[in-house]
Protein backbone atom coordinates (compact mmCIF):
# COMPACT_ATOMS: atom_id res chain seq x y z
CA MET A 1 65.92 -63.77 2.83
CA ILE A 2 65.01 -65.10 -0.63
CA GLN A 3 64.91 -62.37 -3.30
CA TRP A 4 62.60 -63.18 -6.18
CA PRO A 5 63.56 -61.86 -9.64
CA LYS A 6 61.96 -58.59 -10.74
CA ALA A 7 61.80 -59.40 -14.44
CA ASN A 8 60.86 -62.40 -16.56
CA ASP A 9 62.22 -61.98 -20.06
CA VAL A 10 60.34 -65.05 -21.30
CA LEU A 11 56.93 -63.55 -20.50
CA GLY A 12 57.99 -59.95 -20.99
CA THR A 13 57.03 -59.01 -17.43
CA VAL A 14 58.65 -56.57 -15.02
CA ASN A 15 57.76 -55.78 -11.44
CA ARG A 16 57.63 -52.11 -10.52
CA GLY A 17 58.55 -52.91 -6.90
CA ASN A 18 60.14 -55.78 -5.01
CA PRO A 19 58.36 -59.04 -5.88
CA ALA A 20 57.15 -61.56 -3.33
CA GLU A 21 56.97 -65.32 -3.91
CA SER A 22 53.51 -64.78 -5.43
CA GLY A 23 55.05 -62.72 -8.25
CA LEU A 24 53.19 -59.63 -7.05
CA CYS A 25 55.06 -56.58 -5.81
CA THR A 26 55.13 -56.29 -2.04
CA LEU A 27 53.42 -52.92 -2.55
CA CYS A 28 50.76 -53.17 -5.25
CA ARG A 29 49.46 -49.81 -6.48
CA ALA A 30 46.04 -49.18 -8.01
CA ASP A 31 47.62 -46.63 -10.38
CA CYS A 32 50.43 -48.96 -11.50
CA GLN A 33 51.21 -48.84 -15.22
CA GLY A 34 52.57 -52.38 -15.24
CA LYS A 35 53.71 -54.84 -15.87
CA CYS A 36 53.94 -57.88 -13.58
CA GLU A 37 52.54 -61.22 -14.75
CA THR A 38 49.17 -60.75 -13.06
CA TRP A 39 48.87 -57.18 -14.39
CA LEU A 40 49.49 -58.25 -18.00
CA SER A 41 47.31 -61.34 -17.63
CA SER A 42 44.38 -59.06 -16.79
CA VAL A 43 44.29 -57.90 -20.41
CA ARG A 44 46.17 -60.53 -22.41
CA GLY A 45 44.64 -63.56 -20.71
CA ARG A 46 45.81 -67.00 -21.86
CA LYS A 47 48.51 -65.53 -24.07
CA MET A 48 50.48 -65.05 -20.84
CA LEU A 49 50.73 -68.81 -20.42
CA TYR A 50 53.38 -68.96 -23.15
CA PRO A 51 56.77 -67.38 -23.98
CA ARG A 52 56.52 -64.18 -25.96
CA ASP A 53 57.56 -63.64 -29.59
CA PHE A 54 56.77 -67.11 -30.89
CA GLY A 55 58.64 -68.00 -34.07
CA CYS A 56 61.84 -66.14 -33.32
CA VAL A 57 62.69 -67.38 -29.82
CA THR A 58 63.39 -70.46 -27.79
CA ALA A 59 63.02 -70.46 -24.01
CA GLY A 60 64.54 -72.36 -21.11
CA SER A 61 63.43 -72.61 -17.48
CA SER A 62 65.22 -70.53 -14.87
CA ASN A 63 63.43 -72.23 -11.97
CA THR A 64 66.09 -74.81 -11.17
CA SER A 65 67.09 -73.67 -7.70
CA HIS A 66 64.75 -74.41 -4.82
CA VAL A 67 65.87 -72.86 -1.55
CA GLY A 68 64.01 -73.05 1.74
CA VAL A 69 60.54 -74.24 2.65
CA ALA A 70 58.13 -72.44 0.34
CA TYR A 71 55.49 -73.13 -2.28
CA ASN A 72 58.25 -72.50 -4.82
CA SER A 73 59.97 -75.59 -3.42
CA LEU A 74 57.07 -77.79 -4.42
CA ARG A 75 56.93 -79.07 -7.98
CA ILE A 76 54.03 -80.59 -9.89
CA GLN A 77 54.12 -84.26 -10.83
CA GLY A 78 53.39 -85.37 -14.38
CA TYR A 79 52.41 -88.81 -15.62
CA ASN A 80 52.81 -90.53 -18.97
CA TYR A 81 49.67 -92.65 -18.89
CA GLY A 82 46.13 -92.77 -17.52
CA ALA A 83 43.26 -90.34 -17.04
CA GLN A 84 41.51 -89.94 -13.69
CA GLY A 85 38.43 -88.01 -12.67
CA LEU A 86 37.01 -87.70 -16.16
CA PRO A 87 33.85 -85.55 -16.20
CA ASP A 88 30.58 -87.06 -17.37
CA GLY A 89 30.49 -87.45 -21.12
CA ILE A 90 34.28 -87.37 -21.50
CA SER A 91 36.01 -90.63 -22.44
CA ASN A 92 39.65 -91.57 -21.92
CA SER A 93 40.34 -91.44 -25.65
CA ALA A 94 43.08 -89.13 -26.92
CA ASP A 95 40.38 -87.04 -28.59
CA ASP A 96 38.39 -86.54 -25.39
CA ALA A 97 41.05 -86.45 -22.66
CA ILE A 98 42.43 -83.03 -23.62
CA PHE A 99 43.13 -80.13 -21.33
CA PRO A 100 40.16 -77.94 -22.43
CA ASN A 101 37.90 -80.77 -21.19
CA VAL A 102 39.32 -80.63 -17.66
CA SER A 103 36.50 -79.63 -15.32
CA LEU A 104 37.36 -76.86 -12.86
CA GLU A 105 33.99 -76.93 -11.13
CA THR A 106 34.09 -77.49 -7.41
CA SER A 107 31.73 -77.20 -4.48
CA PHE A 108 31.93 -76.73 -0.75
CA GLY A 109 29.55 -76.90 2.17
CA ASN A 110 28.00 -79.19 4.72
CA GLU A 111 24.28 -79.70 4.13
CA VAL A 112 23.81 -77.04 1.44
CA LEU A 113 26.49 -77.12 -1.25
CA THR A 114 27.81 -73.97 -2.92
CA LYS A 115 28.84 -74.62 -6.53
CA CYS A 116 31.76 -72.74 -8.10
CA ARG A 117 32.87 -72.71 -11.72
CA VAL A 118 36.53 -72.38 -10.70
CA PRO A 119 38.35 -73.43 -7.51
CA PHE A 120 39.26 -69.98 -6.23
CA MET A 121 37.68 -67.11 -4.33
CA THR A 122 38.54 -63.59 -3.21
CA GLY A 123 39.96 -62.65 0.14
CA ALA A 124 37.94 -60.37 2.42
CA LEU A 125 37.37 -56.97 0.78
CA GLY A 126 36.25 -54.87 3.69
CA SER A 127 36.50 -51.34 4.99
CA THR A 128 39.65 -50.33 3.15
CA PHE A 129 38.70 -47.56 0.74
CA ILE A 130 40.25 -49.37 -2.20
CA ALA A 131 37.66 -52.15 -1.76
CA ALA A 132 34.81 -49.65 -1.91
CA LYS A 133 36.19 -47.77 -4.93
CA TYR A 134 36.56 -50.85 -7.12
CA TRP A 135 33.71 -52.93 -5.75
CA GLU A 136 31.64 -52.99 -8.94
CA SER A 137 34.54 -54.48 -10.86
CA PHE A 138 35.36 -57.03 -8.15
CA ALA A 139 31.77 -58.13 -7.62
CA ILE A 140 30.56 -58.19 -11.22
CA GLY A 141 33.71 -59.97 -12.35
CA ALA A 142 33.36 -62.61 -9.62
CA ALA A 143 29.68 -63.16 -10.39
CA LEU A 144 30.25 -63.48 -14.14
CA VAL A 145 33.09 -65.97 -13.67
CA GLY A 146 31.30 -67.83 -10.89
CA PHE A 147 33.55 -67.69 -7.83
CA PRO A 148 32.77 -66.52 -4.28
CA ILE A 149 33.54 -63.01 -3.09
CA VAL A 150 33.87 -61.89 0.54
CA ILE A 151 32.66 -58.58 1.93
CA GLY A 152 35.14 -58.02 4.72
CA GLU A 153 34.73 -56.59 8.19
CA ASN A 154 33.59 -53.10 9.26
CA VAL A 155 31.79 -52.07 6.08
CA VAL A 156 28.73 -50.89 8.03
CA GLY A 157 30.70 -49.42 10.91
CA ILE A 158 32.69 -46.96 8.80
CA ASP A 159 29.77 -45.95 6.59
CA LYS A 160 28.74 -42.39 7.50
CA ALA A 161 25.36 -42.96 5.89
CA ALA A 162 24.64 -46.09 7.92
CA VAL A 163 22.17 -45.70 10.77
CA ILE A 164 22.70 -47.85 13.86
CA GLU A 165 20.46 -47.57 16.90
CA ASN A 166 20.93 -49.65 20.06
CA GLY A 167 22.88 -52.35 18.22
CA LYS A 168 20.35 -52.57 15.38
CA ILE A 169 21.12 -51.42 11.84
CA ILE A 170 18.35 -49.26 10.46
CA LYS A 171 20.13 -48.40 7.23
CA ALA A 172 23.37 -49.72 5.63
CA PRO A 173 23.68 -48.29 2.10
CA GLU A 174 27.29 -49.36 1.43
CA LEU A 175 26.68 -52.94 2.53
CA ASP A 176 23.49 -53.02 0.45
CA ARG A 177 25.36 -51.70 -2.58
CA ARG A 178 27.96 -54.42 -2.33
CA ILE A 179 25.53 -57.29 -1.87
CA GLU A 180 23.10 -56.12 -4.54
CA THR A 181 25.82 -55.48 -7.13
CA TYR A 182 26.94 -59.10 -6.86
CA LEU A 183 23.44 -60.57 -6.78
CA LYS A 184 22.45 -58.66 -9.93
CA TYR A 185 24.93 -60.76 -11.95
CA TYR A 186 24.85 -63.96 -9.87
CA GLU A 187 24.05 -67.08 -11.92
CA GLY A 188 24.03 -69.82 -9.30
CA TYR A 189 27.80 -70.34 -9.16
CA GLY A 190 29.95 -68.77 -6.48
CA GLY A 191 28.31 -66.79 -3.71
CA ILE A 192 28.61 -63.73 -1.53
CA ILE A 193 30.00 -63.97 1.99
CA VAL A 194 29.64 -61.25 4.64
CA GLN A 195 32.33 -61.29 7.30
CA MET A 196 31.84 -60.20 10.91
CA ASN A 197 34.26 -59.12 13.61
CA VAL A 198 33.61 -57.88 17.16
CA GLU A 199 32.22 -54.50 16.08
CA ASP A 200 30.08 -56.00 13.32
CA THR A 201 28.56 -58.40 15.84
CA ARG A 202 27.76 -55.53 18.20
CA ASN A 203 26.31 -53.47 15.36
CA GLY A 204 23.89 -56.22 14.36
CA VAL A 205 25.28 -57.02 10.91
CA ALA A 206 24.15 -60.66 11.04
CA GLU A 207 20.59 -59.72 11.94
CA TYR A 208 20.38 -57.04 9.27
CA VAL A 209 21.69 -59.29 6.49
CA ILE A 210 19.49 -62.29 7.26
CA GLU A 211 16.38 -60.14 7.60
CA LYS A 212 16.97 -58.37 4.28
CA TYR A 213 18.65 -61.02 2.12
CA GLY A 214 17.83 -64.36 3.71
CA ASP A 215 19.80 -67.36 2.48
CA LYS A 216 21.23 -65.48 -0.50
CA VAL A 217 24.22 -64.57 1.69
CA MET A 218 26.68 -66.67 3.70
CA ILE A 219 27.88 -65.24 7.02
CA GLU A 220 31.51 -65.56 8.14
CA LEU A 221 32.96 -65.37 11.62
CA LYS A 222 36.47 -63.95 11.75
CA TRP A 223 39.29 -65.04 14.03
CA GLY A 224 42.12 -63.41 12.12
CA GLN A 225 44.09 -63.18 8.90
CA GLY A 226 47.59 -63.85 7.63
CA ALA A 227 48.70 -60.23 7.36
CA LYS A 228 48.39 -59.24 11.01
CA ASP A 229 47.82 -60.41 14.55
CA ILE A 230 45.40 -57.63 15.54
CA GLY A 231 42.06 -56.34 14.27
CA GLY A 232 41.52 -54.61 10.96
CA GLU A 233 42.77 -51.10 10.26
CA ILE A 234 42.06 -48.21 7.97
CA GLN A 235 43.65 -44.77 7.78
CA VAL A 236 41.65 -41.54 7.74
CA VAL A 237 42.96 -38.03 7.20
CA ASN A 238 39.98 -36.07 8.48
CA LEU A 239 39.62 -35.19 12.19
CA GLU A 240 35.82 -35.13 12.04
CA TYR A 241 35.73 -38.58 10.47
CA ALA A 242 38.18 -39.87 13.08
CA LEU A 243 35.88 -38.59 15.82
CA PHE A 244 32.90 -40.19 14.07
CA LEU A 245 34.67 -43.55 14.06
CA LYS A 246 35.61 -43.24 17.72
CA ASN A 247 32.00 -42.47 18.56
CA ARG A 248 30.96 -45.50 16.51
CA GLY A 249 32.93 -47.56 19.01
CA TYR A 250 36.24 -48.11 17.23
CA VAL A 251 39.76 -47.80 18.58
CA VAL A 252 41.30 -44.74 16.87
CA ASP A 253 45.02 -44.01 17.16
CA PRO A 254 46.04 -41.38 18.11
CA ASP A 255 42.92 -40.59 20.10
CA PRO A 256 41.16 -37.78 18.19
CA SER A 257 39.17 -36.74 21.25
CA LYS A 258 42.29 -35.59 23.11
CA GLU A 259 42.91 -31.86 23.03
CA GLU A 260 46.65 -32.25 22.46
CA VAL A 261 46.04 -34.58 19.52
CA GLN A 262 43.65 -32.09 17.95
CA GLU A 263 46.21 -29.32 18.40
CA SER A 264 48.86 -31.47 16.67
CA TYR A 265 46.42 -32.19 13.85
CA HIS A 266 45.55 -28.53 13.31
CA HIS A 267 49.26 -27.61 13.24
CA GLY A 268 50.05 -30.36 10.72
CA ALA A 269 52.16 -32.59 12.98
CA ILE A 270 49.50 -35.32 12.89
CA LYS A 271 48.13 -35.82 9.40
CA SER A 272 46.17 -39.06 9.74
CA PHE A 273 44.50 -41.45 12.18
CA ALA A 274 44.44 -45.25 12.23
CA ARG A 275 41.12 -46.90 13.01
CA HIS A 276 41.49 -50.35 14.59
CA SER A 277 39.09 -53.19 15.34
CA ARG A 278 39.11 -55.04 18.61
CA LEU A 279 40.66 -58.40 19.34
CA GLY A 280 38.23 -61.28 19.75
CA ASN A 281 38.01 -63.68 22.70
CA THR A 282 39.97 -61.44 25.10
CA GLY A 283 37.68 -62.36 27.99
CA TYR A 284 38.58 -66.05 27.85
CA SER A 285 41.53 -67.87 29.36
CA SER A 286 40.79 -71.46 28.32
CA ILE A 287 40.12 -73.42 25.16
CA ASN A 288 36.82 -74.64 26.58
CA GLN A 289 35.58 -71.07 27.00
CA VAL A 290 36.50 -70.21 23.41
CA GLN A 291 34.80 -73.36 22.16
CA GLU A 292 31.64 -72.68 24.14
CA ASP A 293 31.43 -69.12 22.85
CA PHE A 294 32.04 -70.27 19.28
CA ILE A 295 29.35 -72.94 19.40
CA ASN A 296 26.94 -70.48 20.97
CA SER A 297 27.64 -67.97 18.18
CA VAL A 298 27.05 -70.57 15.47
CA THR A 299 23.88 -71.81 17.22
CA TYR A 300 22.55 -68.26 17.35
CA LEU A 301 23.30 -67.65 13.66
CA ARG A 302 21.47 -70.83 12.72
CA LYS A 303 18.55 -69.85 14.95
CA ILE A 304 18.04 -66.55 13.14
CA GLY A 305 18.07 -68.31 9.77
CA TYR A 306 21.59 -68.77 8.39
CA LYS A 307 22.00 -71.99 6.42
CA LYS A 308 25.60 -71.30 5.37
CA ILE A 309 28.28 -70.24 7.86
CA SER A 310 32.06 -70.03 7.46
CA LEU A 311 35.08 -69.20 9.61
CA LYS A 312 38.21 -67.25 8.68
CA THR A 313 41.34 -67.86 10.75
CA GLY A 314 44.81 -66.39 10.53
CA ALA A 315 48.44 -67.42 10.81
CA TYR A 316 48.25 -68.35 14.49
CA GLY A 317 50.14 -71.28 15.97
CA MET A 318 49.24 -74.94 16.00
CA GLU A 319 46.82 -74.80 18.92
CA ALA A 320 44.64 -72.16 17.24
CA LEU A 321 44.78 -74.06 13.94
CA ALA A 322 43.58 -77.24 15.63
CA MET A 323 40.83 -75.29 17.38
CA ALA A 324 39.64 -73.79 14.11
CA ILE A 325 39.52 -77.16 12.35
CA LYS A 326 37.92 -79.02 15.26
CA PHE A 327 35.37 -76.36 16.21
CA ALA A 328 34.39 -75.67 12.60
CA SER A 329 33.98 -79.40 11.93
CA ASP A 330 32.02 -79.99 15.13
CA ALA A 331 29.73 -77.06 14.30
CA LYS A 332 29.20 -78.40 10.77
CA LEU A 333 30.37 -75.19 9.15
CA ASP A 334 30.45 -74.88 5.38
CA LEU A 335 33.95 -73.48 4.92
CA LEU A 336 37.12 -72.73 6.88
CA THR A 337 39.54 -70.25 5.29
CA ILE A 338 43.09 -70.72 6.59
CA ASP A 339 45.20 -67.65 5.84
CA GLY A 340 48.95 -68.02 6.30
CA ALA A 341 51.59 -65.37 6.95
CA GLY A 342 52.41 -63.68 3.71
CA GLY A 343 48.77 -62.87 3.09
CA GLY A 344 47.88 -59.47 1.71
CA THR A 345 46.53 -56.33 3.30
CA GLY A 346 45.00 -52.95 2.71
CA MET A 347 46.62 -51.59 5.84
CA SER A 348 48.48 -53.82 8.29
CA PRO A 349 51.56 -52.84 10.31
CA TRP A 350 54.40 -53.61 7.91
CA ASN A 351 56.88 -55.17 10.33
CA MET A 352 54.04 -57.24 11.76
CA MET A 353 53.45 -58.61 8.27
CA GLU A 354 57.15 -59.38 7.98
CA SER A 355 57.65 -60.96 11.39
CA TRP A 356 54.53 -62.56 12.83
CA GLY A 357 52.78 -65.86 12.31
CA VAL A 358 53.16 -69.15 10.50
CA PRO A 359 54.11 -69.04 6.78
CA SER A 360 51.41 -70.34 4.47
CA ILE A 361 53.02 -73.59 3.33
CA LEU A 362 53.74 -74.71 6.91
CA LEU A 363 50.26 -73.77 8.13
CA HIS A 364 48.59 -75.51 5.20
CA ALA A 365 50.67 -78.66 5.66
CA LYS A 366 49.74 -78.88 9.35
CA ALA A 367 46.09 -78.21 8.49
CA TYR A 368 46.14 -81.34 6.33
CA GLU A 369 47.78 -83.34 9.12
CA TYR A 370 45.25 -82.20 11.72
CA ALA A 371 42.29 -82.77 9.40
CA ASN A 372 43.49 -86.33 8.88
CA ILE A 373 43.41 -86.93 12.62
CA LEU A 374 39.72 -86.02 12.69
CA ALA A 375 38.97 -87.98 9.51
CA ALA A 376 40.66 -91.07 10.96
CA LYS A 377 38.14 -90.92 13.81
CA GLY A 378 35.32 -90.96 11.28
CA GLN A 379 34.47 -87.28 11.60
CA LYS A 380 33.45 -85.20 8.60
CA VAL A 381 36.04 -82.44 8.27
CA VAL A 382 35.00 -78.92 7.31
CA ASP A 383 35.93 -77.91 3.75
CA PHE A 384 39.07 -75.76 3.47
CA ALA A 385 39.96 -72.65 1.50
CA LEU A 386 43.72 -72.09 1.68
CA ALA A 387 45.11 -68.55 1.50
CA GLY A 388 48.25 -66.50 1.92
CA GLY A 389 50.41 -65.15 -0.89
CA LEU A 390 48.93 -67.23 -3.71
CA ALA A 391 48.46 -65.70 -7.16
CA ARG A 392 49.23 -68.00 -10.12
CA GLU A 393 47.79 -71.19 -11.57
CA ASP A 394 50.71 -73.25 -10.26
CA HIS A 395 50.00 -71.91 -6.75
CA ILE A 396 46.36 -72.97 -7.10
CA PHE A 397 47.32 -76.51 -8.11
CA LYS A 398 49.99 -76.89 -5.44
CA ALA A 399 47.78 -75.64 -2.62
CA LEU A 400 44.83 -77.78 -3.71
CA ALA A 401 47.15 -80.80 -3.81
CA LEU A 402 48.85 -80.02 -0.49
CA GLY A 403 45.50 -79.86 1.30
CA ALA A 404 43.69 -82.61 -0.64
CA PRO A 405 41.09 -83.93 -0.16
CA PHE A 406 40.02 -81.24 2.32
CA SER A 407 40.94 -78.17 0.24
CA LYS A 408 38.14 -77.13 -2.11
CA LEU A 409 39.14 -73.56 -2.94
CA ILE A 410 42.17 -71.31 -3.02
CA CYS A 411 41.59 -67.86 -1.56
CA MET A 412 43.43 -65.03 -3.37
CA GLY A 413 43.34 -61.44 -2.23
CA ARG A 414 45.60 -59.01 -4.08
CA ALA A 415 45.87 -61.10 -7.25
CA LEU A 416 42.13 -60.87 -7.95
CA MET A 417 42.11 -57.13 -7.21
CA ILE A 418 44.76 -56.18 -9.78
CA PRO A 419 42.59 -56.73 -12.88
CA ALA A 420 39.97 -54.36 -11.46
CA PHE A 421 42.63 -51.66 -11.07
CA VAL A 422 43.93 -52.20 -14.60
CA GLY A 423 40.48 -52.23 -16.15
CA ALA A 424 39.31 -49.14 -14.28
CA ASN A 425 42.42 -47.24 -15.35
CA ILE A 426 41.82 -48.18 -18.99
CA GLU A 427 38.14 -47.21 -18.78
CA GLY A 428 39.04 -43.86 -17.24
CA VAL A 429 41.31 -43.04 -20.20
CA LEU A 430 38.96 -44.24 -22.93
CA HIS A 431 35.95 -42.62 -21.24
CA PRO A 432 37.14 -39.56 -19.29
CA GLU A 433 33.56 -38.81 -18.26
CA ARG A 434 33.58 -42.06 -16.23
CA ARG A 435 37.03 -41.59 -14.67
CA ASP A 436 35.84 -40.51 -11.23
CA LYS A 437 33.04 -43.08 -11.13
CA VAL A 438 35.34 -46.01 -11.91
CA ALA A 439 38.32 -44.63 -9.92
CA GLY A 440 40.61 -44.42 -12.93
CA ASN A 441 44.13 -43.14 -12.28
CA TRP A 442 45.70 -42.71 -15.73
CA ASP A 443 45.73 -39.69 -18.03
CA LYS A 444 46.74 -41.79 -21.04
CA LEU A 445 47.30 -45.43 -21.90
CA PRO A 446 50.81 -46.68 -21.09
CA SER A 447 52.73 -48.12 -24.02
CA SER A 448 52.26 -51.67 -22.67
CA ILE A 449 48.49 -51.24 -23.19
CA ALA A 450 48.47 -48.90 -26.21
CA GLU A 451 50.42 -51.42 -28.27
CA MET A 452 47.44 -53.78 -28.00
CA GLY A 453 44.87 -51.24 -29.18
CA VAL A 454 42.75 -48.27 -28.21
CA THR A 455 39.34 -49.89 -27.71
CA PRO A 456 38.26 -52.42 -25.07
CA GLU A 457 37.51 -54.91 -27.84
CA GLU A 458 41.15 -54.71 -28.95
CA ILE A 459 42.72 -54.57 -25.49
CA PHE A 460 40.91 -57.28 -23.48
CA ALA A 461 41.32 -60.87 -24.61
CA GLY A 462 38.14 -61.75 -22.69
CA TYR A 463 35.90 -59.00 -24.09
CA TYR A 464 33.93 -61.06 -26.58
CA ASP A 465 33.64 -64.03 -24.21
CA ILE A 466 31.69 -61.83 -21.79
CA GLN A 467 29.67 -60.24 -24.59
CA ALA A 468 28.64 -63.70 -25.79
CA LYS A 469 27.47 -64.41 -22.25
CA VAL A 470 25.55 -61.22 -21.43
CA GLY A 471 24.69 -59.81 -24.85
CA ALA A 472 25.84 -56.68 -26.66
CA GLU A 473 23.45 -54.31 -24.89
CA ALA A 474 24.27 -55.52 -21.36
CA MET A 475 27.96 -55.48 -22.26
CA LYS A 476 27.82 -51.68 -22.34
CA ARG A 477 27.15 -51.73 -18.58
CA VAL A 478 29.93 -54.15 -17.61
CA PRO A 479 32.83 -52.19 -16.08
CA TYR A 480 36.20 -52.73 -17.71
CA GLY A 481 37.57 -53.84 -14.35
CA ALA A 482 35.14 -56.75 -14.38
CA ILE A 483 36.34 -57.61 -17.90
CA GLY A 484 39.86 -57.65 -16.44
CA VAL A 485 38.75 -60.02 -13.66
CA TRP A 486 37.21 -62.36 -16.24
CA THR A 487 40.34 -62.21 -18.40
CA LEU A 488 42.70 -63.00 -15.53
CA ALA A 489 40.40 -65.78 -14.31
CA ASP A 490 40.44 -67.28 -17.82
CA LYS A 491 44.25 -67.25 -17.85
CA LEU A 492 44.38 -68.90 -14.41
CA SER A 493 41.78 -71.44 -15.53
CA GLY A 494 43.62 -72.33 -18.73
CA GLY A 495 46.91 -72.75 -16.91
CA LEU A 496 45.30 -74.84 -14.19
CA GLN A 497 43.61 -77.06 -16.78
CA GLN A 498 47.00 -77.66 -18.40
CA PHE A 499 48.66 -78.62 -15.11
CA MET A 500 45.76 -80.91 -14.27
CA ALA A 501 45.80 -82.61 -17.67
CA GLY A 502 49.54 -83.19 -17.35
CA ALA A 503 48.93 -84.80 -13.97
CA ARG A 504 46.14 -86.84 -15.63
CA LYS A 505 43.54 -85.35 -13.26
CA PHE A 506 40.48 -84.17 -15.16
CA SER A 507 38.46 -82.85 -12.22
CA VAL A 508 39.35 -80.88 -9.11
CA SER A 509 38.21 -83.64 -6.76
CA ALA A 510 40.75 -86.00 -8.36
CA ILE A 511 43.76 -83.85 -7.36
CA SER A 512 45.79 -85.51 -4.60
CA ARG A 513 48.98 -85.02 -2.63
CA ASP A 514 50.65 -87.53 -4.93
CA ASP A 515 50.48 -84.90 -7.66
CA ILE A 516 53.23 -82.76 -6.10
CA PHE A 517 56.70 -83.50 -4.83
CA ALA A 518 59.25 -81.61 -2.76
CA ALA A 519 62.29 -80.11 -4.47
CA ASN A 520 64.43 -80.21 -1.33
CA ARG A 521 64.64 -82.47 1.69
CA GLU A 522 63.70 -79.70 4.13
CA THR A 523 60.41 -79.04 2.36
CA ALA A 524 59.74 -82.79 2.29
CA ALA A 525 60.31 -83.05 6.04
CA GLU A 526 58.10 -80.08 6.90
CA THR A 527 55.19 -80.80 4.58
CA GLY A 528 55.05 -84.58 4.45
CA ILE A 529 55.32 -84.38 0.66
CA SER A 530 57.83 -86.88 -0.71
CA PHE A 531 61.15 -85.74 -2.17
CA ILE A 532 61.29 -85.81 -5.97
CA THR A 533 63.46 -88.85 -6.48
CA ASP A 534 61.73 -90.83 -3.73
CA VAL A 535 58.39 -90.64 -5.55
CA GLN A 536 57.71 -93.89 -7.44
CA ASP A 537 61.30 -94.99 -6.85
CA GLU A 538 60.26 -98.48 -5.80
CA SER A 539 58.00 -98.84 -8.82
CA ALA A 540 60.84 -97.70 -11.08
CA LYS A 541 63.21 -100.31 -9.64
CA LYS A 542 60.65 -103.05 -10.13
CA ILE A 543 60.43 -102.12 -13.80
CA LEU A 544 64.20 -102.33 -14.15
CA LYS A 545 64.40 -105.63 -12.29
CA GLY A 546 61.66 -107.11 -14.45
CA GLY A 547 59.34 -107.64 -11.46
């Protein structure tokens, strides 16, 4: 197993836990005091693109060994001439073709396009309590930046205050809070997506959302995710709540209605319960049955008024991947999110995360191959969002290139949650009266933050950018976690613009598979991306031969 380094002396970063390929710790804590690259980028922003201590250091790359088939074994191509995909009003002169002029705007959709200011989106933030606690920061940050955010499964089902009668939602305060928080700051870029699983479908989530919010919300059908091969889970520590969830129709383990389980709970042997969602499509034994049900579901959603519909699929095998691409394309869906193994979780069985499913790079490479088969037949292929263990600007570029031209967005879960944690913790220290409201975890600023300052204006590199956008008075109501989201997004955007300028691609739609190459032969064979020294080799030899 590849072990990624815990510290990067060049950037001054250290992982608290064991790092994954993404650079995030395998266990990311909301109360963490730092300081991985994503954590620090949430306050320092673009400064984290460069080596620390300029003027008294030099730095050299340590990334010279590429082992195994992984995103780390892809490298980004650079060119020494040309400029492609220049935005309107930008010429190919040396004064115009500069990295700040790279356009990161993208769009996805079939008949109705959704515009985004940057080519990334959140993963599904559903019924895990951490999603609820930090929702204002997630949603306001996403809306201000202009990228889509996903309300994950089961939000209505676990809400004690929700009222559901005969499969019809009468009241859903938590779902309303999440949608309305985003829409309050929405500026026409990005969008809010509500995800549905088996229980959500039974509870009438689609009907409730369309009746109350109309076409302001996209609906998403869920087949799975990269972190697990079963339905979603949360953990509850209260017996009464566990019984409530069982009565709501969920699978709860151990069964809180059993007398022996209750006895174990009261004596302290059982301290918590896991609430599980159901598997989809269990009643079908053929691909045709799954396809028929899927098309019927999409037809029904369109009938009740949905203009934008997406599908989320997990790290299943090749058959399921082909089904997702084909069915989503046939149904003219707006987006297909393909989440590979290595994707994040709020609560998935750990050894399932470690051992099941297709790793992201392999799944994404096959998705491109299968999409090409449909495109070769003249069929319009559904737009892709690629997900699964992606966190940095180089990941965004590589995944966009690997799936080009079908990939429009990169879906990031844990990476876009970290700045909300950091910001909330800072706000809780600087404003103790808000600590509970914002879910702050710190009693004082850690030295890694205190050295930057003791006010938000001093700490967050993105503070005045947001203030210029919303005004000084409205700025007082922006949670610090949302400032963190903006600041991280700005760092990712700056880094992505630099990679794109170096590849001479000045718009997202211009990125192609020719912009990456494989650092080992195994990765080349599995992804279809050419090995480094094979790329342009024939052109190089022609130059040398004078041809």
